Protein backbone atom coordinates (compact mmCIF):
# COMPACT_ATOMS: atom_id res chain seq x y z
CA MET A 1 -0.70 -17.14 -3.69
CA THR A 2 1.29 -18.95 -0.98
CA GLN A 3 1.52 -17.93 2.66
CA SER A 4 4.71 -15.89 2.16
CA VAL A 5 2.58 -12.87 1.29
CA LEU A 6 -0.87 -12.52 2.84
CA LEU A 7 -3.62 -10.36 1.40
CA GLU A 8 -6.74 -9.28 3.27
CA VAL A 9 -9.37 -6.74 2.23
CA ASP A 10 -11.46 -5.16 4.98
CA GLY A 11 -13.58 -2.04 4.81
CA GLY A 12 -11.87 -0.56 1.78
CA VAL A 13 -8.38 -1.35 3.08
CA GLY A 14 -6.09 -3.86 1.39
CA ILE A 15 -3.64 -5.24 3.96
CA VAL A 16 -0.60 -6.82 2.31
CA THR A 17 1.51 -8.65 4.88
CA LEU A 18 5.04 -9.93 4.41
CA ASN A 19 4.83 -13.31 6.10
CA ARG A 20 8.26 -14.96 6.34
CA PRO A 21 8.95 -14.22 10.02
CA ASP A 22 11.42 -17.10 10.29
CA ARG A 23 13.51 -15.38 7.57
CA HIS A 24 12.90 -11.86 8.95
CA ASN A 25 10.71 -11.27 5.87
CA ALA A 26 13.75 -11.27 3.62
CA PHE A 27 12.86 -11.64 -0.03
CA ASP A 28 13.94 -13.93 -2.82
CA ASP A 29 12.76 -14.25 -6.41
CA GLU A 30 9.58 -16.13 -5.50
CA PHE A 31 8.74 -13.72 -2.69
CA ILE A 32 9.19 -10.74 -5.03
CA ALA A 33 6.84 -12.35 -7.55
CA GLU A 34 4.22 -12.98 -4.86
CA LEU A 35 4.42 -9.43 -3.55
CA ALA A 36 4.12 -8.03 -7.07
CA GLN A 37 1.03 -10.17 -7.64
CA ALA A 38 -0.52 -8.99 -4.35
CA LEU A 39 0.05 -5.36 -5.36
CA ARG A 40 -1.51 -5.94 -8.76
CA SER A 41 -4.49 -7.58 -7.05
CA VAL A 42 -5.19 -4.61 -4.75
CA GLU A 43 -4.72 -2.24 -7.68
CA ALA A 44 -7.35 -4.11 -9.71
CA ASP A 45 -9.80 -4.48 -6.80
CA GLU A 46 -12.16 -1.49 -6.96
CA SER A 47 -13.26 -2.10 -3.36
CA VAL A 48 -9.74 -1.31 -2.12
CA ARG A 49 -9.22 2.38 -1.38
CA VAL A 50 -6.05 2.26 0.75
CA VAL A 51 -3.19 -0.25 0.92
CA VAL A 52 -1.27 -1.04 4.12
CA LEU A 53 2.07 -2.82 3.71
CA SER A 54 2.66 -4.72 6.92
CA SER A 55 4.90 -7.54 8.21
CA SER A 56 4.65 -10.43 10.64
CA GLY A 57 7.25 -11.27 13.27
CA VAL A 58 9.92 -9.10 14.84
CA SER A 59 11.37 -7.64 11.62
CA TYR A 60 9.80 -5.55 8.92
CA CYS A 61 12.06 -6.74 6.11
CA ALA A 62 15.72 -7.79 6.22
CA GLY A 63 16.24 -7.15 2.52
CA ALA A 64 17.53 -9.90 0.28
CA ASP A 65 17.51 -13.47 1.58
CA LEU A 66 21.05 -14.79 2.11
CA ALA A 67 20.25 -18.15 0.55
CA TRP A 68 18.96 -16.38 -2.54
CA MET A 69 22.07 -14.22 -2.65
CA GLN A 70 24.23 -17.32 -2.44
CA ARG A 71 22.38 -18.83 -5.38
CA ALA A 72 22.63 -15.56 -7.29
CA ALA A 73 26.41 -15.58 -6.83
CA GLY A 74 26.50 -18.46 -9.30
CA TYR A 75 24.17 -16.82 -11.82
CA GLY A 76 25.28 -15.42 -15.14
CA GLU A 77 24.71 -11.84 -16.20
CA GLN A 78 21.32 -12.52 -17.80
CA GLU A 79 19.98 -14.34 -14.73
CA ASN A 80 21.12 -11.56 -12.43
CA LEU A 81 19.58 -8.98 -14.74
CA ARG A 82 16.29 -10.88 -14.73
CA ASP A 83 16.17 -10.88 -10.92
CA ALA A 84 17.08 -7.18 -10.72
CA GLU A 85 14.40 -6.28 -13.25
CA ALA A 86 11.77 -8.26 -11.34
CA LEU A 87 12.63 -6.39 -8.13
CA ALA A 88 12.61 -3.08 -10.00
CA GLU A 89 9.19 -3.80 -11.50
CA MET A 90 7.72 -4.75 -8.11
CA LEU A 91 9.01 -1.52 -6.55
CA ARG A 92 7.73 0.50 -9.50
CA THR A 93 4.30 -1.10 -9.07
CA LEU A 94 4.30 -0.18 -5.37
CA ASN A 95 5.53 3.36 -6.02
CA GLU A 96 3.05 4.06 -8.82
CA LEU A 97 0.03 2.32 -7.30
CA PRO A 98 -2.82 4.79 -7.88
CA LYS A 99 -4.11 4.13 -4.36
CA PRO A 100 -2.53 5.54 -1.18
CA THR A 101 -0.02 3.20 0.48
CA VAL A 102 0.99 3.13 4.14
CA ALA A 103 4.03 1.24 5.48
CA ARG A 104 3.39 -0.18 8.97
CA VAL A 105 6.94 -0.61 10.25
CA GLN A 106 6.99 -2.68 13.45
CA GLY A 107 10.67 -3.72 13.37
CA PRO A 108 14.04 -3.50 11.65
CA ALA A 109 14.33 -2.87 7.90
CA TYR A 110 17.57 -3.33 6.01
CA GLY A 111 18.61 -2.95 2.39
CA GLY A 112 15.64 -3.66 0.16
CA GLY A 113 13.34 -3.35 3.17
CA VAL A 114 14.23 0.33 3.31
CA GLY A 115 13.36 0.49 -0.38
CA LEU A 116 9.88 -0.89 0.30
CA ILE A 117 9.27 1.76 2.96
CA ALA A 118 10.56 4.55 0.72
CA ALA A 119 8.29 3.43 -2.13
CA CYS A 120 5.20 3.79 0.06
CA ASP A 121 3.41 7.12 0.28
CA ILE A 122 3.34 7.26 4.08
CA ALA A 123 5.43 5.37 6.65
CA VAL A 124 4.93 4.97 10.39
CA GLY A 125 7.31 3.04 12.63
CA THR A 126 7.91 2.08 16.24
CA TYR A 127 10.63 3.67 18.35
CA ASP A 128 12.73 0.48 18.41
CA ALA A 129 12.78 -0.04 14.63
CA GLN A 130 16.24 0.17 13.08
CA PHE A 131 17.36 0.75 9.53
CA ALA A 132 20.42 0.27 7.34
CA LEU A 133 21.39 0.48 3.69
CA SER A 134 23.82 -2.37 4.17
CA GLU A 135 24.68 -3.32 0.59
CA VAL A 136 28.26 -2.01 0.41
CA ARG A 137 29.24 -4.26 3.31
CA LEU A 138 28.46 -7.15 1.00
CA GLY A 139 30.31 -5.66 -1.95
CA ILE A 140 27.16 -4.66 -3.80
CA ILE A 141 25.14 -1.45 -4.21
CA PRO A 142 21.51 -0.42 -3.47
CA ALA A 143 20.91 0.30 -7.13
CA VAL A 144 17.31 -0.76 -7.71
CA ILE A 145 15.98 0.85 -4.51
CA SER A 146 18.02 4.04 -4.96
CA PRO A 147 15.38 6.16 -6.79
CA TYR A 148 12.91 5.67 -3.94
CA VAL A 149 15.41 5.99 -1.08
CA ILE A 150 16.96 9.15 -2.53
CA GLY A 151 13.49 10.50 -3.18
CA ALA A 152 12.61 9.93 0.48
CA ILE A 153 15.75 11.10 2.28
CA GLY A 154 17.59 13.21 -0.31
CA ALA A 155 20.93 12.75 -2.02
CA ARG A 156 23.05 14.24 0.75
CA ARG A 157 21.76 11.87 3.45
CA ALA A 158 21.84 8.96 1.01
CA ARG A 159 25.56 9.57 0.57
CA ARG A 160 26.17 8.97 4.25
CA TYR A 161 23.97 5.95 4.80
CA MET A 162 24.66 4.22 1.48
CA LEU A 163 28.43 4.66 1.86
CA THR A 164 28.80 3.76 5.55
CA ALA A 165 26.11 1.04 5.73
CA GLU A 166 25.69 2.08 9.37
CA ARG A 167 22.51 1.36 11.26
CA PHE A 168 20.30 4.27 12.21
CA SER A 169 17.40 4.60 14.62
CA ALA A 170 13.72 5.28 14.10
CA ALA A 171 14.31 8.78 15.45
CA GLU A 172 16.92 9.36 12.74
CA ALA A 173 14.66 7.80 10.11
CA TYR A 174 11.99 10.31 11.17
CA ARG A 175 14.46 13.20 11.11
CA ILE A 176 15.67 12.47 7.59
CA GLY A 177 12.22 11.78 6.15
CA LEU A 178 12.10 8.00 5.77
CA LEU A 179 9.36 7.79 8.43
CA HIS A 180 6.55 10.31 8.74
CA GLU A 181 5.71 9.37 12.32
CA ILE A 182 7.19 7.29 15.15
CA VAL A 183 5.27 5.72 18.04
CA PRO A 184 6.20 3.79 21.21
CA GLY A 185 4.85 0.32 20.38
CA GLU A 186 2.61 -1.82 18.20
CA ASP A 187 -0.65 -0.76 19.84
CA GLU A 188 0.19 2.86 19.14
CA LEU A 189 1.34 1.83 15.66
CA ASP A 190 -2.05 0.31 14.88
CA ASN A 191 -3.79 3.43 16.21
CA ALA A 192 -1.60 5.73 14.10
CA VAL A 193 -2.12 3.65 10.96
CA GLY A 194 -5.86 3.54 11.67
CA GLU A 195 -6.04 7.32 11.93
CA LEU A 196 -4.17 7.69 8.64
CA VAL A 197 -6.45 5.17 6.95
CA ASP A 198 -9.53 7.05 8.18
CA ALA A 199 -8.12 10.32 6.83
CA LEU A 200 -7.32 8.70 3.48
CA LEU A 201 -10.76 7.10 3.18
CA ALA A 202 -12.39 10.51 3.66
CA CYS A 203 -10.72 11.82 0.50
CA ALA A 204 -11.63 11.38 -3.15
CA PRO A 205 -10.02 8.18 -4.54
CA ARG A 206 -9.50 9.29 -8.12
CA ALA A 207 -8.14 12.63 -6.94
CA GLN A 208 -5.66 10.76 -4.75
CA GLY A 209 -4.45 8.81 -7.77
CA GLU A 210 -4.18 12.05 -9.73
CA CYS A 211 -2.22 13.59 -6.85
CA LYS A 212 0.28 10.76 -6.88
CA ALA A 213 0.78 11.18 -10.62
CA LEU A 214 1.07 14.95 -10.15
CA ILE A 215 3.81 14.61 -7.53
CA ARG A 216 5.83 12.31 -9.79
CA ALA A 217 5.48 14.77 -12.67
CA VAL A 218 6.35 17.89 -10.67
CA ALA A 219 9.10 16.67 -8.32
CA ASP A 220 12.55 17.96 -9.33
CA HIS A 221 11.11 19.47 -12.51
CA PRO A 222 11.93 23.11 -13.29
CA VAL A 223 9.00 25.51 -13.16
CA ASP A 224 8.95 26.23 -16.87
CA ALA A 225 6.25 26.74 -19.49
CA GLU A 226 5.90 23.00 -20.00
CA LEU A 227 5.27 22.35 -16.31
CA ILE A 228 2.85 25.24 -15.97
CA ALA A 229 0.84 24.01 -18.97
CA ASP A 230 0.84 20.45 -17.66
CA THR A 231 -0.44 21.40 -14.20
CA ALA A 232 -3.14 23.60 -15.74
CA ARG A 233 -4.32 20.70 -17.90
CA ARG A 234 -4.39 18.38 -14.88
CA ILE A 235 -6.57 20.63 -12.71
CA THR A 236 -8.88 21.37 -15.65
CA ARG A 237 -9.40 17.66 -16.29
CA VAL A 238 -9.94 16.75 -12.64
CA ARG A 239 -12.21 19.70 -11.88
CA ALA A 240 -14.47 18.67 -14.77
CA SER A 241 -14.62 15.02 -13.71
CA ALA A 242 -17.66 13.47 -12.01
CA GLU A 243 -15.68 13.18 -8.81
CA GLY A 244 -14.58 16.80 -8.95
CA ARG A 245 -18.14 17.99 -9.52
CA GLU A 246 -19.43 15.80 -6.69
CA GLY A 247 -16.78 17.06 -4.28
CA MET A 248 -17.60 20.70 -4.93
CA ALA A 249 -21.35 20.03 -4.75
CA ALA A 250 -20.99 18.20 -1.44
CA PHE A 251 -18.93 21.06 0.00
CA LEU A 252 -21.44 23.70 -1.05
CA GLU A 253 -24.40 21.61 0.13
CA LYS A 254 -22.68 20.85 3.45
CA ARG A 255 -22.97 17.07 3.08
CA LYS A 256 -20.59 14.15 2.81
CA PRO A 257 -19.43 13.31 -0.71
CA THR A 258 -20.59 10.01 -2.14
CA TRP A 259 -17.20 8.30 -1.83
CA VAL A 260 -17.39 8.51 1.98
CA SER A 261 -20.66 6.59 2.04
CA GLY A 262 -19.34 4.02 -0.43
CA THR A 263 -21.56 5.11 -3.32
CA GLU A 264 -18.81 6.81 -5.29
CA GLN A 265 -19.85 8.09 -8.67
CA GLY A 266 -17.99 7.00 -11.78
């Protein structure tokens, strides 16, 4: 892995850092491949319980790199489709990672950068961060990121910000659901992320993965017989698991469950 994406594992936390500050962490095809590989690495690493998606420099992520877009303008349909599919697969990997993900947003995020934030489970940003879904100003559309952005902010708000490409503030990002929390500066950002990480590490890791799968299955699904049966099967399976039994035993015995002490049962 090159230095465009950094990966550090510390105390059960996988910190994935976008590291192209001179390009405002804008991505191209190579950067997308590196980020996808970093995400696969933290997914496979059993010591990683929580993933923080961070950035270096003044910007979180400026979306697509202009030089890459200029190259792509000369691509044929198959080459453009290949690039779009690679971006889509990276975002899917991030969205479906079975471990909790936290976006640490220290600066502006535009276009695909908003997609990265929306694909994370939890997002915290500083007051001075700004956001925009700027694609239509360039004559393109935010197609690949749209499932995650619409899932985060809803279709009605997506209509405004995808159609106008206007910038909006961290306060507005918080109001519409893109950010879960906003803080004054980077020191407070680190404190807020640290508190979230501590809360996540106190919970059962396999149950967290099951919760993420549950949310994807239930969201926007009608409450019908199929859904009721599916949710019943899920709780039955998880309750009978080693982790489920350990969690209940720890609660009744008034002790910490084994995953908190790092001796999680299989």
